[in-house]
Amino acid sequence: SRLTPNTLDNNNDNDIINNIITDTTGDGIYIAGSSSTGNYIANNTIYQASQYGIYVTGSDYNEITQNNITDSGNRGIYLYNYADYNNVTANYLYSTDHRAID
């Protein structure tokens, strides 16, 4: 299991907006499951997530925009395992340990 305070697991049409997320023991924001669609993730500041700033797995049709992600322990934004048709635009990614977006 992932230790992430901001988890959407098979939830749709949620907004995660204008949050400051710091020093997590996992991902800053975690979106999972084929039913997690239509979520809007915008204008968040994510600092020092120990894994991924934003991790999307198996979820489609989400919008990820204008987030500020710095010092994540792995990737800034990670789309994995059939995470298709997601709109990722205008995010600021700085000082990630691996790739910024994968």
C-alpha atoms as a PDB file:
ATOM      1  CA  SER A   1       0.000   0.000   0.000  1.00  0.00           C
ATOM      2  CA  ARG A   2       1.071   3.591  -0.583  1.00  0.00           C
ATOM      3  CA  LEU A   3       1.365   6.102   2.229  1.00  0.00           C
ATOM      4  CA  THR A   4      -0.196   9.081   0.491  1.00  0.00           C
ATOM      5  CA  PRO A   5      -2.556  11.531   2.172  1.00  0.00           C
ATOM      6  CA  ASN A   6      -4.069  12.682  -1.139  1.00  0.00           C
ATOM      7  CA  THR A   7      -5.324   9.457  -2.707  1.00  0.00           C
ATOM      8  CA  LEU A   8      -8.070   9.015  -5.284  1.00  0.00           C
ATOM      9  CA  ASP A   9      -8.643   5.283  -5.671  1.00  0.00           C
ATOM     10  CA  ASN A  10     -11.469   4.591  -8.122  1.00  0.00           C
ATOM     11  CA  ASN A  11     -12.994   8.037  -7.573  1.00  0.00           C
ATOM     12  CA  ASN A  12     -14.080  10.319 -10.388  1.00  0.00           C
ATOM     13  CA  ASP A  13     -14.793  14.003 -11.006  1.00  0.00           C
ATOM     14  CA  ASN A  14     -12.857  15.317  -8.005  1.00  0.00           C
ATOM     15  CA  ASP A  15     -10.933  18.595  -7.768  1.00  0.00           C
ATOM     16  CA  ILE A  16      -7.621  18.803  -5.924  1.00  0.00           C
ATOM     17  CA  ILE A  17      -6.818  22.499  -6.154  1.00  0.00           C
ATOM     18  CA  ASN A  18      -4.609  25.033  -4.328  1.00  0.00           C
ATOM     19  CA  ASN A  19      -3.033  22.679  -1.784  1.00  0.00           C
ATOM     20  CA  ILE A  20       0.423  22.798  -0.251  1.00  0.00           C
ATOM     21  CA  ILE A  21       1.733  19.251   0.179  1.00  0.00           C
ATOM     22  CA  THR A  22       5.133  18.831   1.843  1.00  0.00           C
ATOM     23  CA  ASP A  23       7.414  16.116   3.199  1.00  0.00           C
ATOM     24  CA  THR A  24       5.259  13.089   2.331  1.00  0.00           C
ATOM     25  CA  THR A  25       6.273   9.492   3.021  1.00  0.00           C
ATOM     26  CA  GLY A  26       5.065   8.459  -0.429  1.00  0.00           C
ATOM     27  CA  ASP A  27       3.522  10.402  -3.291  1.00  0.00           C
ATOM     28  CA  GLY A  28       2.222  13.945  -3.149  1.00  0.00           C
ATOM     29  CA  ILE A  29      -0.967  12.999  -5.036  1.00  0.00           C
ATOM     30  CA  TYR A  30      -1.874   9.428  -6.040  1.00  0.00           C
ATOM     31  CA  ILE A  31      -4.625   8.620  -8.562  1.00  0.00           C
ATOM     32  CA  ALA A  32      -5.396   4.942  -9.230  1.00  0.00           C
ATOM     33  CA  GLY A  33      -7.970   2.680 -10.809  1.00  0.00           C
ATOM     34  CA  SER A  34      -9.921   2.586 -14.031  1.00  0.00           C
ATOM     35  CA  SER A  35     -12.815   4.387 -12.340  1.00  0.00           C
ATOM     36  CA  SER A  36     -10.629   7.384 -11.417  1.00  0.00           C
ATOM     37  CA  THR A  37     -11.566   9.601 -14.345  1.00  0.00           C
ATOM     38  CA  GLY A  38     -12.352  13.251 -14.865  1.00  0.00           C
ATOM     39  CA  ASN A  39     -10.285  14.482 -11.925  1.00  0.00           C
ATOM     40  CA  TYR A  40      -8.851  18.007 -12.000  1.00  0.00           C
ATOM     41  CA  ILE A  41      -5.472  18.452 -10.290  1.00  0.00           C
ATOM     42  CA  ALA A  42      -4.392  22.105 -10.468  1.00  0.00           C
ATOM     43  CA  ASN A  43      -2.387  24.840  -8.762  1.00  0.00           C
ATOM     44  CA  ASN A  44      -0.914  22.575  -6.088  1.00  0.00           C
ATOM     45  CA  THR A  45       2.521  22.999  -4.559  1.00  0.00           C
ATOM     46  CA  ILE A  46       4.189  19.663  -3.884  1.00  0.00           C
ATOM     47  CA  TYR A  47       7.548  19.800  -2.127  1.00  0.00           C
ATOM     48  CA  GLN A  48       9.757  16.890  -1.058  1.00  0.00           C
ATOM     49  CA  ALA A  49       7.489  13.966  -1.839  1.00  0.00           C
ATOM     50  CA  SER A  50       9.659  10.939  -1.063  1.00  0.00           C
ATOM     51  CA  GLN A  51       8.415   9.080  -4.184  1.00  0.00           C
ATOM     52  CA  TYR A  52       6.446  10.832  -6.960  1.00  0.00           C
ATOM     53  CA  GLY A  53       5.005  14.328  -6.981  1.00  0.00           C
ATOM     54  CA  ILE A  54       1.904  13.115  -8.826  1.00  0.00           C
ATOM     55  CA  TYR A  55       1.448   9.411  -9.619  1.00  0.00           C
ATOM     56  CA  VAL A  56      -1.349   8.307 -11.966  1.00  0.00           C
ATOM     57  CA  THR A  57      -1.808   4.573 -12.558  1.00  0.00           C
ATOM     58  CA  GLY A  58      -4.516   2.947 -14.671  1.00  0.00           C
ATOM     59  CA  SER A  59      -6.582   6.149 -14.736  1.00  0.00           C
ATOM     60  CA  ASP A  60      -7.760   8.009 -17.826  1.00  0.00           C
ATOM     61  CA  TYR A  61      -9.090  11.451 -18.755  1.00  0.00           C
ATOM     62  CA  ASN A  62      -7.672  13.429 -15.834  1.00  0.00           C
ATOM     63  CA  GLU A  63      -6.356  16.985 -16.113  1.00  0.00           C
ATOM     64  CA  ILE A  64      -3.072  17.845 -14.381  1.00  0.00           C
ATOM     65  CA  THR A  65      -2.151  21.494 -14.833  1.00  0.00           C
ATOM     66  CA  GLN A  66      -0.221  24.369 -13.270  1.00  0.00           C
ATOM     67  CA  ASN A  67       1.229  22.382 -10.382  1.00  0.00           C
ATOM     68  CA  ASN A  68       4.576  23.286  -8.824  1.00  0.00           C
ATOM     69  CA  ILE A  69       6.555  20.122  -7.989  1.00  0.00           C
ATOM     70  CA  THR A  70      10.044  20.349  -6.477  1.00  0.00           C
ATOM     71  CA  ASP A  71      12.483  17.925  -4.850  1.00  0.00           C
ATOM     72  CA  SER A  72      10.520  14.718  -5.419  1.00  0.00           C
ATOM     73  CA  GLY A  73      12.413  11.528  -4.608  1.00  0.00           C
ATOM     74  CA  ASN A  74      11.580   9.899  -7.926  1.00  0.00           C
ATOM     75  CA  ARG A  75       9.689  11.449 -10.849  1.00  0.00           C
ATOM     76  CA  GLY A  76       7.770  14.710 -10.756  1.00  0.00           C
ATOM     77  CA  ILE A  77       4.738  13.330 -12.640  1.00  0.00           C
ATOM     78  CA  TYR A  78       4.458   9.622 -13.408  1.00  0.00           C
ATOM     79  CA  LEU A  79       1.802   8.139 -15.706  1.00  0.00           C
ATOM     80  CA  TYR A  80       1.870   4.350 -15.460  1.00  0.00           C
ATOM     81  CA  ASN A  81      -0.036   1.189 -16.326  1.00  0.00           C
ATOM     82  CA  TYR A  82      -2.455   2.274 -19.056  1.00  0.00           C
ATOM     83  CA  ALA A  83      -2.889   5.829 -17.805  1.00  0.00           C
ATOM     84  CA  ASP A  84      -4.203   7.096 -21.140  1.00  0.00           C
ATOM     85  CA  TYR A  85      -5.776  10.301 -22.406  1.00  0.00           C
ATOM     86  CA  ASN A  86      -4.614  12.408 -19.460  1.00  0.00           C
ATOM     87  CA  ASN A  87      -4.012  16.107 -20.128  1.00  0.00           C
ATOM     88  CA  VAL A  88      -0.725  17.228 -18.514  1.00  0.00           C
ATOM     89  CA  THR A  89       0.083  20.888 -19.216  1.00  0.00           C
ATOM     90  CA  ALA A  90       1.897  23.910 -17.801  1.00  0.00           C
ATOM     91  CA  ASN A  91       3.367  22.202 -14.719  1.00  0.00           C
ATOM     92  CA  TYR A  92       6.604  23.436 -13.132  1.00  0.00           C
ATOM     93  CA  LEU A  93       8.950  20.568 -12.251  1.00  0.00           C
ATOM     94  CA  TYR A  94      12.300  21.145 -10.586  1.00  0.00           C
ATOM     95  CA  SER A  95      14.950  18.973  -8.966  1.00  0.00           C
ATOM     96  CA  THR A  96      13.463  15.506  -9.339  1.00  0.00           C
ATOM     97  CA  ASP A  97      15.775  12.530  -8.744  1.00  0.00           C
ATOM     98  CA  HIS A  98      14.846  10.844 -12.025  1.00  0.00           C
ATOM     99  CA  ARG A  99      12.837  12.063 -15.001  1.00  0.00           C
ATOM    100  CA  ALA A 100      10.571  15.058 -14.642  1.00  0.00           C
ATOM    101  CA  ILE A 101       7.633  13.418 -16.475  1.00  0.00           C
ATOM    102  CA  ASP A 102       7.404   9.766 -17.448  1.00  0.00           C
END
